[in-house]
Each structure stands twice: as structure tokens, then as C-alpha cells.
Amino acid sequence: MTETMKAMVLRRPNTPLVMEERPLPAPGPGELRLRVEACGVCRTDLHVVDGELPDPKLPITPGHEIVGRVEAMGPGVSGFAVGQRVGAPWLGHTCGHCPYCVTMRENLCDDPLFTGYTRDGGYATHAVADASFCFALPETGEAATLAPLLCAGLIGWRTLKMAGPAETIGVYGFGAAAHIIAQVAILQGRRVHAFVRPGDDAAAQFALSLGAASAQGSDAPAPEPLDAALIFAPVGALVPRALGSVKKGGAVVCGGIHMSDIPSFPYALLWGERRLQSVANLTREDAREFLALAPTLPLKMHATPYPLAQANEALSDLRDGRLQGAAVLIP
């Protein structure tokens, strides 16, 4: 009898995911087959499902915050063992020879593969991943609280690094990435001000409970001049607002892969050597840094579990702002 797996599959953008039963895939050369323990539900998954990211592989199994156990290894794989817990993030493969890969900028690769977007991801009982882009994870701890580290944590970490040595930081959009990286920044001795969806008192209280110095609607001015602003909400109108709150020489870093159009703004907001920068994907070095750091910190991970079959409900709750922290699918 052929062994099978289950997956939640997107057949067309802007349609619900459907459960499919598929033959269990064999890992190819350099690949691992993972038995999925948990997969985080990321805003980037929403952009894929809602048709805001172009040219996904269809049909596609979304999900790129995968925590799993190695179940089988393809030819040529070394450094892993059957039964080991590993993570598979958004960046699933790079070409290794384009101008960006050969200059240590693999996040900008000209011919990449992305987990849950151009190769099948972790909204499933099993997933196949390039072993070179998988990372060992702690054997202890709940898979549901490890999963958000694989994108929300990694992208948050890269965004924070790009902000430079900022002492006072504004975080716009207090979702999965923000709730992780705000804690990291606070533990580093920085002061963090949270900016939430206007009227979302629950999100404001959540930010304050994690140590934010203040929490207010994103339409409010910053309580003090900021050295840097990190934008995780996909709202282009936040860019000029953040620039207006950042000191001369400061940075506004946009951490999302998709954002609505940025409205025009006066040059005076950018003048004074302020920087406006985007974050594109991540590198394996980002992953090695952050996944080594995270277990040493007393992070409070907030994850709401959903059964795999309720992936559509999890996406809907994320889309409509009904979550604090992260949503995680448990097969």
C-alpha cells in the first residue's frame, strides 16, 4: 500500500485552502523529508493566499515556519540524523552562482525557491526541504513556540540589525514578528514604543505586558523622537508617519515582503540623512545567529494552536486582527 500524507492546498489565489491526501514524497538528492510537528501561520502566507505575491507555484501548500522531525534523508545529505528536530524557513534554496550569492547576499538571489510559495511548505503532515537550508532546533520545548522563530523571529532579527545601534525604537504593527523582536530589543537594553492598529486596546496592552515603554495607535505621534522605526504592518501610509518620528540620521526599516503603496511625502521628512530601507528575505547567517541567540533569552512566546484542518480559520483570524502573537498549525 502506498504511504500517504495530508496537506492543505491553495489551488487558486483568493480561494480557501482544501485538504488533499497525497503520496508520501521521497526526498531527492540533498533533501530531507520532515514529519511536521508545527508550522507557523505568517502574514506572508496571507499575501500568497490573497494573491498579493505574484506567480506562486500552483497548486501550492503554504507555510514556511516549519518545525519537524527528520523522517528520511536523500542521497548526499550529511550533518543530520533521522529523528532530529529541525526548522525549515522561507528561504528554501538559492542558485549559489548569481552575483548576489557569490557576494554573500543570498537573500537577493536571482533564482531562489521559497518555502510555501515556489516549493511546497508546511501546512501538511510532511514536507520535503533542501537540507542546506534547514537548521537544527532544540530538542526541548514545544514545537508551537519554536515555529514563529523560523520567520517572524528571523525577519524581525534582520530588521532590527538593519536599524543599527538605535537606543529608542518604534515598532509599527504588533503581530508575530514584533512581539518577538520587541522583547529582544528590550533585553538588549533598548527602549521600545509600540504602535498598533488604532483602537486595538488589546494589542496595546499586549505590547505593554512584554515591556514596551508605551503603546498607542499608529495614527498617534511618537511619545519621543525615535532613533529607528521598524514597520511590520503592510501599510504604506505608515512610512511617512514613521519618518516624521525618526531623528536625523535615523532609519525606517520595512520588514514585510509586501506593502500597500507608500503615499507621497515632503522631502523634509527624509532629509537629515534619514534612511528608508526594505528587508528582503533572509540569509542562512541570519538564521544561525538568531537561532543560537533565541534559546539564551527569556522570550515569552505567544502562540495560538490550530488543527491542520483549520488552516483557513487561522488565516482568517490573522487577516482580521483577532490574534495576539502568532498562530500555529499542529498536524
C-alpha atoms as a PDB file:
ATOM      1  CA  MET A   1       0.000   0.000   0.000  1.00  0.00           C
ATOM      2  CA  THR A   2       1.312   3.450  -0.914  1.00  0.00           C
ATOM      3  CA  GLU A   3       2.025   5.631   2.094  1.00  0.00           C
ATOM      4  CA  THR A   4       0.213   8.965   2.043  1.00  0.00           C
ATOM      5  CA  MET A   5       0.326  12.411   3.641  1.00  0.00           C
ATOM      6  CA  LYS A   6      -2.215  15.183   4.121  1.00  0.00           C
ATOM      7  CA  ALA A   7      -1.778  18.793   3.047  1.00  0.00           C
ATOM      8  CA  MET A   8      -3.823  21.985   2.973  1.00  0.00           C
ATOM      9  CA  VAL A   9      -3.501  23.195  -0.599  1.00  0.00           C
ATOM     10  CA  LEU A  10      -4.102  26.510  -2.377  1.00  0.00           C
ATOM     11  CA  ARG A  11      -5.387  25.814  -5.876  1.00  0.00           C
ATOM     12  CA  ARG A  12      -6.113  29.408  -6.869  1.00  0.00           C
ATOM     13  CA  PRO A  13      -5.440  32.711  -5.090  1.00  0.00           C
ATOM     14  CA  ASN A  14      -8.370  34.159  -3.169  1.00  0.00           C
ATOM     15  CA  THR A  15      -9.940  30.738  -2.622  1.00  0.00           C
ATOM     16  CA  PRO A  16      -9.979  28.646   0.569  1.00  0.00           C
ATOM     17  CA  LEU A  17      -7.321  26.008   1.102  1.00  0.00           C
ATOM     18  CA  VAL A  18      -8.515  22.445   0.608  1.00  0.00           C
ATOM     19  CA  MET A  19      -7.335  19.282   2.341  1.00  0.00           C
ATOM     20  CA  GLU A  20      -5.702  16.783  -0.016  1.00  0.00           C
ATOM     21  CA  GLU A  21      -4.288  13.325   0.501  1.00  0.00           C
ATOM     22  CA  ARG A  22      -1.120  12.762  -1.497  1.00  0.00           C
ATOM     23  CA  PRO A  23       1.506  10.052  -1.893  1.00  0.00           C
ATOM     24  CA  LEU A  24       4.273  10.461   0.663  1.00  0.00           C
ATOM     25  CA  PRO A  25       7.188  12.007  -1.269  1.00  0.00           C
ATOM     26  CA  ALA A  26      10.699  10.577  -1.243  1.00  0.00           C
ATOM     27  CA  PRO A  27      13.442  13.140  -0.573  1.00  0.00           C
ATOM     28  CA  GLY A  28      15.679  13.806  -3.555  1.00  0.00           C
ATOM     29  CA  PRO A  29      19.435  14.404  -3.542  1.00  0.00           C
ATOM     30  CA  GLY A  30      20.374  16.850  -0.793  1.00  0.00           C
ATOM     31  CA  GLU A  31      16.849  16.863   0.659  1.00  0.00           C
ATOM     32  CA  LEU A  32      15.166  15.925   3.931  1.00  0.00           C
ATOM     33  CA  ARG A  33      11.664  14.638   4.414  1.00  0.00           C
ATOM     34  CA  LEU A  34      10.233  16.072   7.621  1.00  0.00           C
ATOM     35  CA  ARG A  35       7.327  14.886   9.700  1.00  0.00           C
ATOM     36  CA  VAL A  36       5.827  18.245  10.582  1.00  0.00           C
ATOM     37  CA  GLU A  37       5.332  18.925  14.285  1.00  0.00           C
ATOM     38  CA  ALA A  38       4.126  22.501  13.827  1.00  0.00           C
ATOM     39  CA  CYS A  39       4.002  25.203  11.169  1.00  0.00           C
ATOM     40  CA  GLY A  40       3.523  28.875  11.927  1.00  0.00           C
ATOM     41  CA  VAL A  41       0.940  30.956  10.083  1.00  0.00           C
ATOM     42  CA  CYS A  42       2.728  34.041   8.780  1.00  0.00           C
ATOM     43  CA  ARG A  43       1.416  37.217   7.181  1.00  0.00           C
ATOM     44  CA  THR A  44       3.426  36.266   4.101  1.00  0.00           C
ATOM     45  CA  ASP A  45       1.185  33.198   3.814  1.00  0.00           C
ATOM     46  CA  LEU A  46      -1.743  35.609   3.675  1.00  0.00           C
ATOM     47  CA  HIS A  47      -0.065  37.529   0.850  1.00  0.00           C
ATOM     48  CA  VAL A  48       0.307  34.243  -1.068  1.00  0.00           C
ATOM     49  CA  VAL A  49      -3.269  33.093  -0.396  1.00  0.00           C
ATOM     50  CA  ASP A  50      -4.750  36.530  -1.118  1.00  0.00           C
ATOM     51  CA  GLY A  51      -2.917  36.842  -4.437  1.00  0.00           C
ATOM     52  CA  GLU A  52      -0.715  39.760  -3.376  1.00  0.00           C
ATOM     53  CA  LEU A  53       2.537  37.979  -4.267  1.00  0.00           C
ATOM     54  CA  PRO A  54       2.955  37.203  -7.968  1.00  0.00           C
ATOM     55  CA  ASP A  55       3.462  33.852  -9.672  1.00  0.00           C
ATOM     56  CA  PRO A  56       3.216  31.283  -6.860  1.00  0.00           C
ATOM     57  CA  LYS A  57       3.619  27.646  -7.808  1.00  0.00           C
ATOM     58  CA  LEU A  58       0.065  26.369  -8.078  1.00  0.00           C
ATOM     59  CA  PRO A  59      -1.246  24.285  -6.554  1.00  0.00           C
ATOM     60  CA  ILE A  60       0.876  25.142  -3.515  1.00  0.00           C
ATOM     61  CA  THR A  61       0.984  24.028   0.091  1.00  0.00           C
ATOM     62  CA  PRO A  62       1.704  27.225   2.069  1.00  0.00           C
ATOM     63  CA  GLY A  63       3.731  27.504   5.243  1.00  0.00           C
ATOM     64  CA  HIS A  64       7.353  28.413   5.870  1.00  0.00           C
ATOM     65  CA  GLU A  65       7.785  28.302   9.653  1.00  0.00           C
ATOM     66  CA  ILE A  66       8.241  24.542   9.785  1.00  0.00           C
ATOM     67  CA  VAL A  67       9.306  22.588  12.839  1.00  0.00           C
ATOM     68  CA  GLY A  68       9.667  18.915  12.042  1.00  0.00           C
ATOM     69  CA  ARG A  69      11.479  15.674  12.691  1.00  0.00           C
ATOM     70  CA  VAL A  70      13.769  14.209  10.044  1.00  0.00           C
ATOM     71  CA  GLU A  71      11.981  11.132   8.736  1.00  0.00           C
ATOM     72  CA  ALA A  72      14.117  10.338   5.678  1.00  0.00           C
ATOM     73  CA  MET A  73      17.258  11.711   4.046  1.00  0.00           C
ATOM     74  CA  GLY A  74      18.047  11.867   0.346  1.00  0.00           C
ATOM     75  CA  PRO A  75      21.390  10.968  -1.234  1.00  0.00           C
ATOM     76  CA  GLY A  76      24.299  13.211  -0.269  1.00  0.00           C
ATOM     77  CA  VAL A  77      22.830  14.577   2.955  1.00  0.00           C
ATOM     78  CA  SER A  78      25.152  14.839   5.936  1.00  0.00           C
ATOM     79  CA  GLY A  79      25.012  16.590   9.281  1.00  0.00           C
ATOM     80  CA  PHE A  80      21.500  15.417  10.143  1.00  0.00           C
ATOM     81  CA  ALA A  81      20.050  12.284  11.719  1.00  0.00           C
ATOM     82  CA  VAL A  82      16.707  10.545  11.446  1.00  0.00           C
ATOM     83  CA  GLY A  83      14.502  11.712  14.316  1.00  0.00           C
ATOM     84  CA  GLN A  84      16.334  15.024  14.754  1.00  0.00           C
ATOM     85  CA  ARG A  85      14.239  18.173  15.207  1.00  0.00           C
ATOM     86  CA  VAL A  86      14.928  20.802  12.543  1.00  0.00           C
ATOM     87  CA  GLY A  87      13.429  24.000  11.192  1.00  0.00           C
ATOM     88  CA  ALA A  88      12.786  24.975   7.573  1.00  0.00           C
ATOM     89  CA  PRO A  89      12.284  28.709   6.886  1.00  0.00           C
ATOM     90  CA  TRP A  90      11.095  30.921   4.000  1.00  0.00           C
ATOM     91  CA  LEU A  91      14.343  30.828   2.018  1.00  0.00           C
ATOM     92  CA  GLY A  92      14.290  27.280   0.681  1.00  0.00           C
ATOM     93  CA  HIS A  93      17.058  27.241  -1.940  1.00  0.00           C
ATOM     94  CA  THR A  94      19.421  29.583  -3.767  1.00  0.00           C
ATOM     95  CA  CYS A  95      21.338  29.160  -7.006  1.00  0.00           C
ATOM     96  CA  GLY A  96      24.780  29.706  -5.432  1.00  0.00           C
ATOM     97  CA  HIS A  97      26.302  31.345  -8.508  1.00  0.00           C
ATOM     98  CA  CYS A  98      24.481  34.617  -9.275  1.00  0.00           C
ATOM     99  CA  PRO A  99      26.175  37.958  -8.428  1.00  0.00           C
ATOM    100  CA  TYR A 100      24.301  38.110  -5.120  1.00  0.00           C
ATOM    101  CA  CYS A 101      25.042  34.578  -3.965  1.00  0.00           C
ATOM    102  CA  VAL A 102      28.770  34.895  -4.655  1.00  0.00           C
ATOM    103  CA  THR A 103      28.946  38.157  -2.675  1.00  0.00           C
ATOM    104  CA  MET A 104      27.290  36.772   0.491  1.00  0.00           C
ATOM    105  CA  ARG A 105      23.879  38.288  -0.325  1.00  0.00           C
ATOM    106  CA  GLU A 106      21.938  35.113  -0.936  1.00  0.00           C
ATOM    107  CA  ASN A 107      18.734  36.768   0.289  1.00  0.00           C
ATOM    108  CA  LEU A 108      18.760  38.634  -3.054  1.00  0.00           C
ATOM    109  CA  CYS A 109      19.411  35.528  -5.184  1.00  0.00           C
ATOM    110  CA  ASP A 110      18.261  35.793  -8.804  1.00  0.00           C
ATOM    111  CA  ASP A 111      16.895  32.224  -8.905  1.00  0.00           C
ATOM    112  CA  PRO A 112      15.673  31.253  -5.425  1.00  0.00           C
ATOM    113  CA  LEU A 113      12.993  28.912  -4.127  1.00  0.00           C
ATOM    114  CA  PHE A 114      10.747  29.976  -1.276  1.00  0.00           C
ATOM    115  CA  THR A 115       9.086  27.536   1.085  1.00  0.00           C
ATOM    116  CA  GLY A 116       5.310  27.676   0.828  1.00  0.00           C
ATOM    117  CA  TYR A 117       5.430  29.921  -2.256  1.00  0.00           C
ATOM    118  CA  THR A 118       7.503  28.354  -5.014  1.00  0.00           C
ATOM    119  CA  ARG A 119       8.006  24.991  -3.307  1.00  0.00           C
ATOM    120  CA  ASP A 120       5.521  23.173  -1.084  1.00  0.00           C
ATOM    121  CA  GLY A 121       5.593  24.160   2.558  1.00  0.00           C
ATOM    122  CA  GLY A 122       4.481  23.033   5.974  1.00  0.00           C
ATOM    123  CA  TYR A 123       0.677  23.221   6.097  1.00  0.00           C
ATOM    124  CA  ALA A 124       0.869  19.451   5.939  1.00  0.00           C
ATOM    125  CA  THR A 125       1.732  16.321   7.862  1.00  0.00           C
ATOM    126  CA  HIS A 126       5.025  16.045   5.926  1.00  0.00           C
ATOM    127  CA  ALA A 127       7.293  18.363   3.957  1.00  0.00           C
ATOM    128  CA  VAL A 128      10.415  17.996   1.823  1.00  0.00           C
ATOM    129  CA  ALA A 129      13.129  20.613   2.213  1.00  0.00           C
ATOM    130  CA  ASP A 130      16.646  21.336   0.967  1.00  0.00           C
ATOM    131  CA  ALA A 131      18.904  20.130   3.779  1.00  0.00           C
ATOM    132  CA  SER A 132      21.305  23.046   3.179  1.00  0.00           C
ATOM    133  CA  PHE A 133      18.527  25.424   4.230  1.00  0.00           C
ATOM    134  CA  CYS A 134      17.385  23.522   7.324  1.00  0.00           C
ATOM    135  CA  PHE A 135      18.582  24.263  10.844  1.00  0.00           C
ATOM    136  CA  ALA A 136      18.912  22.199  13.984  1.00  0.00           C
ATOM    137  CA  LEU A 137      16.439  23.179  16.697  1.00  0.00           C
ATOM    138  CA  PRO A 138      16.393  22.456  20.439  1.00  0.00           C
ATOM    139  CA  GLU A 139      15.030  19.048  21.342  1.00  0.00           C
ATOM    140  CA  THR A 140      13.255  20.574  24.322  1.00  0.00           C
ATOM    141  CA  GLY A 141      10.363  22.996  24.207  1.00  0.00           C
ATOM    142  CA  GLU A 142       7.047  22.967  22.415  1.00  0.00           C
ATOM    143  CA  ALA A 143       7.123  22.918  18.631  1.00  0.00           C
ATOM    144  CA  ALA A 144       4.331  25.518  18.584  1.00  0.00           C
ATOM    145  CA  THR A 145       6.518  28.096  20.307  1.00  0.00           C
ATOM    146  CA  LEU A 146       9.554  27.314  18.158  1.00  0.00           C
ATOM    147  CA  ALA A 147       7.736  27.673  14.825  1.00  0.00           C
ATOM    148  CA  PRO A 148       7.356  31.505  14.846  1.00  0.00           C
ATOM    149  CA  LEU A 149      11.114  31.850  15.263  1.00  0.00           C
ATOM    150  CA  LEU A 150      11.550  30.488  11.713  1.00  0.00           C
ATOM    151  CA  CYS A 151      10.202  33.637  10.031  1.00  0.00           C
ATOM    152  CA  ALA A 152       8.707  36.135  12.459  1.00  0.00           C
ATOM    153  CA  GLY A 153      11.863  35.810  14.535  1.00  0.00           C
ATOM    154  CA  LEU A 154      14.328  35.690  11.640  1.00  0.00           C
ATOM    155  CA  ILE A 155      12.834  38.590   9.693  1.00  0.00           C
ATOM    156  CA  GLY A 156      12.461  40.562  12.911  1.00  0.00           C
ATOM    157  CA  TRP A 157      16.127  39.901  13.680  1.00  0.00           C
ATOM    158  CA  ARG A 158      17.282  41.052  10.234  1.00  0.00           C
ATOM    159  CA  THR A 159      15.060  44.140  10.509  1.00  0.00           C
ATOM    160  CA  LEU A 160      16.484  45.017  13.923  1.00  0.00           C
ATOM    161  CA  LYS A 161      20.055  44.567  12.656  1.00  0.00           C
ATOM    162  CA  MET A 162      19.385  46.939   9.767  1.00  0.00           C
ATOM    163  CA  ALA A 163      18.219  49.589  12.213  1.00  0.00           C
ATOM    164  CA  GLY A 164      21.747  49.805  13.600  1.00  0.00           C
ATOM    165  CA  PRO A 165      22.655  50.750  17.175  1.00  0.00           C
ATOM    166  CA  ALA A 166      19.370  52.507  17.884  1.00  0.00           C
ATOM    167  CA  GLU A 167      18.553  53.111  21.546  1.00  0.00           C
ATOM    168  CA  THR A 168      14.940  54.215  21.081  1.00  0.00           C
ATOM    169  CA  ILE A 169      12.853  52.179  18.633  1.00  0.00           C
ATOM    170  CA  GLY A 170       9.313  52.427  17.355  1.00  0.00           C
ATOM    171  CA  VAL A 171       7.660  49.178  16.267  1.00  0.00           C
ATOM    172  CA  TYR A 172       4.699  49.617  13.916  1.00  0.00           C
ATOM    173  CA  GLY A 173       2.319  46.653  13.716  1.00  0.00           C
ATOM    174  CA  PHE A 174       2.477  44.484  16.826  1.00  0.00           C
ATOM    175  CA  GLY A 175       1.995  40.992  15.425  1.00  0.00           C
ATOM    176  CA  ALA A 176       4.112  37.842  15.464  1.00  0.00           C
ATOM    177  CA  ALA A 177       7.413  39.411  14.365  1.00  0.00           C
ATOM    178  CA  ALA A 178       7.029  42.489  16.540  1.00  0.00           C
ATOM    179  CA  HIS A 179       6.161  40.582  19.696  1.00  0.00           C
ATOM    180  CA  ILE A 180       9.395  38.585  19.353  1.00  0.00           C
ATOM    181  CA  ILE A 181      11.832  41.253  18.273  1.00  0.00           C
ATOM    182  CA  ALA A 182      10.472  43.882  20.686  1.00  0.00           C
ATOM    183  CA  GLN A 183      11.425  41.542  23.522  1.00  0.00           C
ATOM    184  CA  VAL A 184      14.894  41.020  22.018  1.00  0.00           C
ATOM    185  CA  ALA A 185      15.424  44.777  21.752  1.00  0.00           C
ATOM    186  CA  ILE A 186      14.219  45.362  25.319  1.00  0.00           C
ATOM    187  CA  LEU A 187      16.510  42.627  26.636  1.00  0.00           C
ATOM    188  CA  GLN A 188      19.366  44.370  24.811  1.00  0.00           C
ATOM    189  CA  GLY A 189      18.641  47.492  26.858  1.00  0.00           C
ATOM    190  CA  ARG A 190      16.782  49.463  24.181  1.00  0.00           C
ATOM    191  CA  ARG A 191      13.549  51.408  24.724  1.00  0.00           C
ATOM    192  CA  VAL A 192      10.654  50.249  22.563  1.00  0.00           C
ATOM    193  CA  HIS A 193       7.471  52.141  21.716  1.00  0.00           C
ATOM    194  CA  ALA A 194       4.683  50.065  20.155  1.00  0.00           C
ATOM    195  CA  PHE A 195       2.298  51.389  17.510  1.00  0.00           C
ATOM    196  CA  VAL A 196      -0.802  49.253  16.996  1.00  0.00           C
ATOM    197  CA  ARG A 197      -3.892  49.356  14.808  1.00  0.00           C
ATOM    198  CA  PRO A 198      -5.894  52.401  16.013  1.00  0.00           C
ATOM    199  CA  GLY A 199      -8.454  51.315  18.575  1.00  0.00           C
ATOM    200  CA  ASP A 200      -6.857  47.917  19.240  1.00  0.00           C
ATOM    201  CA  ASP A 201      -6.576  48.220  23.000  1.00  0.00           C
ATOM    202  CA  ALA A 202      -5.853  44.503  23.394  1.00  0.00           C
ATOM    203  CA  ALA A 203      -2.752  44.776  21.191  1.00  0.00           C
ATOM    204  CA  ALA A 204      -1.618  47.849  23.115  1.00  0.00           C
ATOM    205  CA  GLN A 205      -1.955  46.039  26.442  1.00  0.00           C
ATOM    206  CA  PHE A 206      -0.170  43.029  24.967  1.00  0.00           C
ATOM    207  CA  ALA A 207       2.789  45.234  23.963  1.00  0.00           C
ATOM    208  CA  LEU A 208       2.933  46.824  27.404  1.00  0.00           C
ATOM    209  CA  SER A 209       2.852  43.385  29.054  1.00  0.00           C
ATOM    210  CA  LEU A 210       6.012  42.474  27.125  1.00  0.00           C
ATOM    211  CA  GLY A 211       7.893  45.544  28.363  1.00  0.00           C
ATOM    212  CA  ALA A 212       7.168  48.257  25.805  1.00  0.00           C
ATOM    213  CA  ALA A 213       7.730  51.751  27.188  1.00  0.00           C
ATOM    214  CA  SER A 214       4.475  52.899  25.576  1.00  0.00           C
ATOM    215  CA  ALA A 215       1.764  51.627  23.267  1.00  0.00           C
ATOM    216  CA  GLN A 216      -0.514  53.762  21.119  1.00  0.00           C
ATOM    217  CA  GLY A 217      -2.381  53.772  17.844  1.00  0.00           C
ATOM    218  CA  SER A 218      -0.257  54.029  14.726  1.00  0.00           C
ATOM    219  CA  ASP A 219      -2.023  57.300  13.917  1.00  0.00           C
ATOM    220  CA  ALA A 220      -0.579  58.883  17.077  1.00  0.00           C
ATOM    221  CA  PRO A 221       2.742  60.754  17.242  1.00  0.00           C
ATOM    222  CA  ALA A 222       5.665  59.063  18.919  1.00  0.00           C
ATOM    223  CA  PRO A 223       5.992  59.964  22.612  1.00  0.00           C
ATOM    224  CA  GLU A 224       9.641  60.896  21.982  1.00  0.00           C
ATOM    225  CA  PRO A 225      11.949  61.195  18.951  1.00  0.00           C
ATOM    226  CA  LEU A 226      12.986  57.755  17.691  1.00  0.00           C
ATOM    227  CA  ASP A 227      16.421  56.552  16.628  1.00  0.00           C
ATOM    228  CA  ALA A 228      14.760  53.992  14.351  1.00  0.00           C
ATOM    229  CA  ALA A 229      11.362  52.670  13.356  1.00  0.00           C
ATOM    230  CA  LEU A 230      10.592  49.085  12.356  1.00  0.00           C
ATOM    231  CA  ILE A 231       7.459  48.636  10.232  1.00  0.00           C
ATOM    232  CA  PHE A 232       5.877  45.178  10.175  1.00  0.00           C
ATOM    233  CA  ALA A 233       2.331  46.156   9.208  1.00  0.00           C
ATOM    234  CA  PRO A 234       1.810  46.047   5.404  1.00  0.00           C
ATOM    235  CA  VAL A 235       0.530  49.628   5.357  1.00  0.00           C
ATOM    236  CA  GLY A 236       2.407  52.081   3.147  1.00  0.00           C
ATOM    237  CA  ALA A 237       0.868  55.090   4.900  1.00  0.00           C
ATOM    238  CA  LEU A 238       2.952  54.225   7.974  1.00  0.00           C
ATOM    239  CA  VAL A 239       6.199  55.101   6.166  1.00  0.00           C
ATOM    240  CA  PRO A 240       5.795  58.910   6.207  1.00  0.00           C
ATOM    241  CA  ARG A 241       4.379  58.732   9.738  1.00  0.00           C
ATOM    242  CA  ALA A 242       7.440  56.814  10.916  1.00  0.00           C
ATOM    243  CA  LEU A 243       9.830  59.132   9.063  1.00  0.00           C
ATOM    244  CA  GLY A 244       8.196  62.055  10.849  1.00  0.00           C
ATOM    245  CA  SER A 245       9.028  60.456  14.204  1.00  0.00           C
ATOM    246  CA  VAL A 246      12.657  59.499  13.469  1.00  0.00           C
ATOM    247  CA  LYS A 247      15.597  61.714  14.406  1.00  0.00           C
ATOM    248  CA  LYS A 248      18.104  62.976  11.883  1.00  0.00           C
ATOM    249  CA  GLY A 249      20.424  60.146  10.925  1.00  0.00           C
ATOM    250  CA  GLY A 250      17.835  57.565  11.932  1.00  0.00           C
ATOM    251  CA  ALA A 251      16.332  54.705   9.959  1.00  0.00           C
ATOM    252  CA  VAL A 252      12.908  53.448   8.970  1.00  0.00           C
ATOM    253  CA  VAL A 253      13.132  49.746   8.104  1.00  0.00           C
ATOM    254  CA  CYS A 254      10.232  47.981   6.379  1.00  0.00           C
ATOM    255  CA  GLY A 255      10.234  44.336   7.433  1.00  0.00           C
ATOM    256  CA  GLY A 256       7.422  42.963   5.266  1.00  0.00           C
ATOM    257  CA  ILE A 257       7.607  41.282   1.869  1.00  0.00           C
ATOM    258  CA  HIS A 258       4.505  43.173   0.673  1.00  0.00           C
ATOM    259  CA  MET A 259       3.158  46.627   1.484  1.00  0.00           C
ATOM    260  CA  SER A 260       0.420  48.838   0.113  1.00  0.00           C
ATOM    261  CA  ASP A 261       1.561  51.864  -1.877  1.00  0.00           C
ATOM    262  CA  ILE A 262       3.531  54.486   0.001  1.00  0.00           C
ATOM    263  CA  PRO A 263       1.869  57.893  -0.356  1.00  0.00           C
ATOM    264  CA  SER A 264       3.902  60.882  -1.462  1.00  0.00           C
ATOM    265  CA  PHE A 265       5.528  62.850   1.332  1.00  0.00           C
ATOM    266  CA  PRO A 266       7.619  66.031   1.610  1.00  0.00           C
ATOM    267  CA  TYR A 267      11.348  65.659   1.181  1.00  0.00           C
ATOM    268  CA  ALA A 268      11.801  67.288   4.587  1.00  0.00           C
ATOM    269  CA  LEU A 269      10.719  64.006   6.208  1.00  0.00           C
ATOM    270  CA  LEU A 270      13.620  62.162   4.562  1.00  0.00           C
ATOM    271  CA  TRP A 271      16.170  64.958   4.734  1.00  0.00           C
ATOM    272  CA  GLY A 272      18.705  64.946   7.547  1.00  0.00           C
ATOM    273  CA  GLU A 273      20.311  61.701   6.382  1.00  0.00           C
ATOM    274  CA  ARG A 274      17.351  59.607   7.438  1.00  0.00           C
ATOM    275  CA  ARG A 275      17.313  56.180   5.790  1.00  0.00           C
ATOM    276  CA  LEU A 276      14.361  54.278   4.353  1.00  0.00           C
ATOM    277  CA  GLN A 277      15.159  50.630   3.732  1.00  0.00           C
ATOM    278  CA  SER A 278      13.397  47.358   2.973  1.00  0.00           C
ATOM    279  CA  VAL A 279      14.223  43.871   4.215  1.00  0.00           C
ATOM    280  CA  ALA A 280      14.346  41.183   1.544  1.00  0.00           C
ATOM    281  CA  ASN A 281      14.046  37.609   2.776  1.00  0.00           C
ATOM    282  CA  LEU A 282      16.872  36.342   4.998  1.00  0.00           C
ATOM    283  CA  THR A 283      20.228  34.634   4.840  1.00  0.00           C
ATOM    284  CA  ARG A 284      21.366  31.425   6.445  1.00  0.00           C
ATOM    285  CA  GLU A 285      23.748  33.512   8.541  1.00  0.00           C
ATOM    286  CA  ASP A 286      20.725  35.397   9.944  1.00  0.00           C
ATOM    287  CA  ALA A 287      19.213  32.033  10.861  1.00  0.00           C
ATOM    288  CA  ARG A 288      22.374  30.733  12.511  1.00  0.00           C
ATOM    289  CA  GLU A 289      22.748  33.948  14.548  1.00  0.00           C
ATOM    290  CA  PHE A 290      19.187  34.217  15.748  1.00  0.00           C
ATOM    291  CA  LEU A 291      18.506  30.526  16.361  1.00  0.00           C
ATOM    292  CA  ALA A 292      21.642  30.424  18.529  1.00  0.00           C
ATOM    293  CA  LEU A 293      20.620  33.586  20.394  1.00  0.00           C
ATOM    294  CA  ALA A 294      16.927  32.893  20.989  1.00  0.00           C
ATOM    295  CA  PRO A 295      17.331  29.934  23.404  1.00  0.00           C
ATOM    296  CA  THR A 296      19.568  32.068  25.631  1.00  0.00           C
ATOM    297  CA  LEU A 297      16.876  34.740  26.107  1.00  0.00           C
ATOM    298  CA  PRO A 298      13.794  34.592  28.351  1.00  0.00           C
ATOM    299  CA  LEU A 299      11.419  35.204  25.449  1.00  0.00           C
ATOM    300  CA  LYS A 300       7.688  34.956  26.116  1.00  0.00           C
ATOM    301  CA  MET A 301       6.341  33.261  23.012  1.00  0.00           C
ATOM    302  CA  HIS A 302       2.623  33.675  22.421  1.00  0.00           C
ATOM    303  CA  ALA A 303       1.310  31.044  20.014  1.00  0.00           C
ATOM    304  CA  THR A 304      -2.320  30.077  19.385  1.00  0.00           C
ATOM    305  CA  PRO A 305      -2.554  26.466  18.113  1.00  0.00           C
ATOM    306  CA  TYR A 306      -4.983  25.338  15.402  1.00  0.00           C
ATOM    307  CA  PRO A 307      -5.504  21.834  13.986  1.00  0.00           C
ATOM    308  CA  LEU A 308      -4.172  21.489  10.437  1.00  0.00           C
ATOM    309  CA  ALA A 309      -7.711  21.233   9.047  1.00  0.00           C
ATOM    310  CA  GLN A 310      -8.471  24.704  10.470  1.00  0.00           C
ATOM    311  CA  ALA A 311      -5.791  26.481   8.425  1.00  0.00           C
ATOM    312  CA  ASN A 312      -8.429  28.688   6.781  1.00  0.00           C
ATOM    313  CA  GLU A 313      -9.713  29.787  10.188  1.00  0.00           C
ATOM    314  CA  ALA A 314      -6.166  30.621  11.316  1.00  0.00           C
ATOM    315  CA  LEU A 315      -5.571  32.700   8.178  1.00  0.00           C
ATOM    316  CA  SER A 316      -8.888  34.480   8.677  1.00  0.00           C
ATOM    317  CA  ASP A 317      -8.091  35.302  12.303  1.00  0.00           C
ATOM    318  CA  LEU A 318      -4.718  36.704  11.249  1.00  0.00           C
ATOM    319  CA  ARG A 319      -6.255  38.690   8.380  1.00  0.00           C
ATOM    320  CA  ASP A 320      -8.894  40.246  10.643  1.00  0.00           C
ATOM    321  CA  GLY A 321      -6.551  41.061  13.539  1.00  0.00           C
ATOM    322  CA  ARG A 322      -8.058  38.612  16.036  1.00  0.00           C
ATOM    323  CA  LEU A 323      -4.688  37.226  17.187  1.00  0.00           C
ATOM    324  CA  GLN A 324      -2.122  38.258  19.767  1.00  0.00           C
ATOM    325  CA  GLY A 325       1.288  36.868  18.889  1.00  0.00           C
ATOM    326  CA  ALA A 326       1.365  34.029  16.367  1.00  0.00           C
ATOM    327  CA  ALA A 327      -0.956  31.352  15.011  1.00  0.00           C
ATOM    328  CA  VAL A 328       0.484  27.853  14.611  1.00  0.00           C
ATOM    329  CA  LEU A 329      -0.905  24.795  12.818  1.00  0.00           C
ATOM    330  CA  ILE A 330      -0.461  21.431  14.549  1.00  0.00           C
ATOM    331  CA  PRO A 331      -0.879  18.415  12.232  1.00  0.00           C
END
